[in-house]
Each structure stands twice: as C-alpha cells, then as structure tokens.
Amino acid sequence: MNRVEKRINELKKKKEKGLGFFLMGNWPDKDTFIEILRFIDSKNLADFLQIGVPFSDPVADGPIIRKASAQALYKGATLEKILKNLLSVREEISIPLILKTYANPLYVSGIGEMLSLAKESGISAIIIPDMPLEEISLVEEQARKNKIGVLLFAGPTTSEKRLVKISSKTSFFLSYTASHETSSLEFEKVLALSEKPVYSDFGKLSPEQAGAIAHSLDGIIMGWALTEIIDDSEKNFFKEIEKFAISIRKEIKEI
C-alpha cells in the first residue's frame, strides 16, 4: 500500500475530510521548492500534495499556474530535474506526493524511465490532465509495475455512464473538477455514482466555501491557492501558507 492509498484509507476510517494542495515543481526555484515542501510536511498542513510539472502549453490551467509554469521553464525545470530534486529529500519527507503532468513531458522523457524515477523519488500517484480515459492504458502498465496509482478526472459535463466507468478505473480517489456554481446536490450525485472517494479539484476556496463543499464530498484539492500566496513576494509566504492551510483545515474538520 503506497502513501496516498494509505492516507486516503486512514481518512475514510476516521471519517475525516482530506485536504490536498498543488505546488509547481522547482518553483519559484528548486531550493525554495524543497523548503516549501519540507515546511508543509513538518507542519502537517495537508494530507497530500500535487507536484506540478511545467509545460509550455498548459491548456488545463489558469493564469496563476501558467505564470508559475513559464517561470519554472525559464529557470530550466523539467520532469526529470523535478523528480531528482524530490529524490534528494525522499527519506525526510513523509507527506504523500502526487505527480501532475501533461502527457507530452512524460512521453518525451520516456514513460517507463520517468515512472521508475518517480517511484524512487517518493511519488505515489500520477494524474495527467490531457490524457482521456481511452488512452490511459498507455501509462497504466508502467504505473502498476512501479506501484504508482493513476488518478482520473471527471467534471460537470461528464455523463453518469462515463463517470461510473472513470471511477472504476481511477486509483484511490476520483478527482472532480468543479466550479463555485456546482451545487451540493450535484456533488452528492457524483459521490453516489463513484466507486471511490471523491475529491473536488478547485483553484482556491475560502475556509467557508471549503467547509461547505467538503460537507458533500470526501475532501478537496486546491490548485492555485498556494501558488498565489508564494507569488506575492512582498509577504512572508511561509507564514501565509501556514495561516491559510490551518484556516482550511479547521473549517473542514468541524464538519
């Protein structure tokens, strides 16, 4: 049982809501990225982290992530360099890590080679935003070989039939991309249809919004909340990250 699977099962057993955040790999630079990772891990500010791989055409991301991606690429960040940076702290980091990458960097670097390195680097699962269900088998074999879960997306436009199929194929949990207009009734329907726990994937939520959404689902993932905090260089972003994460934790644990 890998770290993500273990954490999701622990949360389910305790009937607690899960919390995940996204960090762009090797951004704002490779050393600060590791400092942020260590900080979040040492303070227990999240149940898992998504580690993003910068890409030149991030079609599934908003402006804040695109900016961070462009800056990381400019400084030379690549999938391989990010994984090797994580490998350097593999033994001291306990928080479960999910690799979030577009298909192109994975193909260019070699699926088998990169997933083998990902395993060594402490990656427990991978999510590929631009790879549909029909193509995921291209990654699944190597992922299984390296004991890495493959996480899949669904969203408001996903049909019920397809959602059931996606939930049967995804590892550990279903990532549901939603908006502020998504109703609690829709969340409850998704939860009823899914074979796996359901985590809502948002960019950023206030503590009150997080609490309301977590009430209907198994947990939440915030895509650009920490990126926005880190990007505001006028503030002590370590302090701000802790303050924000604790406020979200408090709200979802009171459900």
Foldseek 3Di string as FASTA:
>chain_A
DALLLVLLVVCVVVVAFFEEEEDEFQPPHNVVSVVLQLLCQVVVLGQAYEYEFADPCCPVDDDLVVVRSVNCVVNPGALVVRLVSLLVCQVPGRRAYEYEYAVVSCVVVDLLVSLLSNLSSRHAEYEHVPADPVRCVVNVVSCVVSNHWYEYEDEPPDDLVVLLVNLVRGPQEHEYEYDPPDDLVNLLVSCVSHPHFYEYEEQDDQLQSQLVNCVSGRYYYHYNPLSVLVVPVVDPSSVVSNVRSVSNSVSRRVD
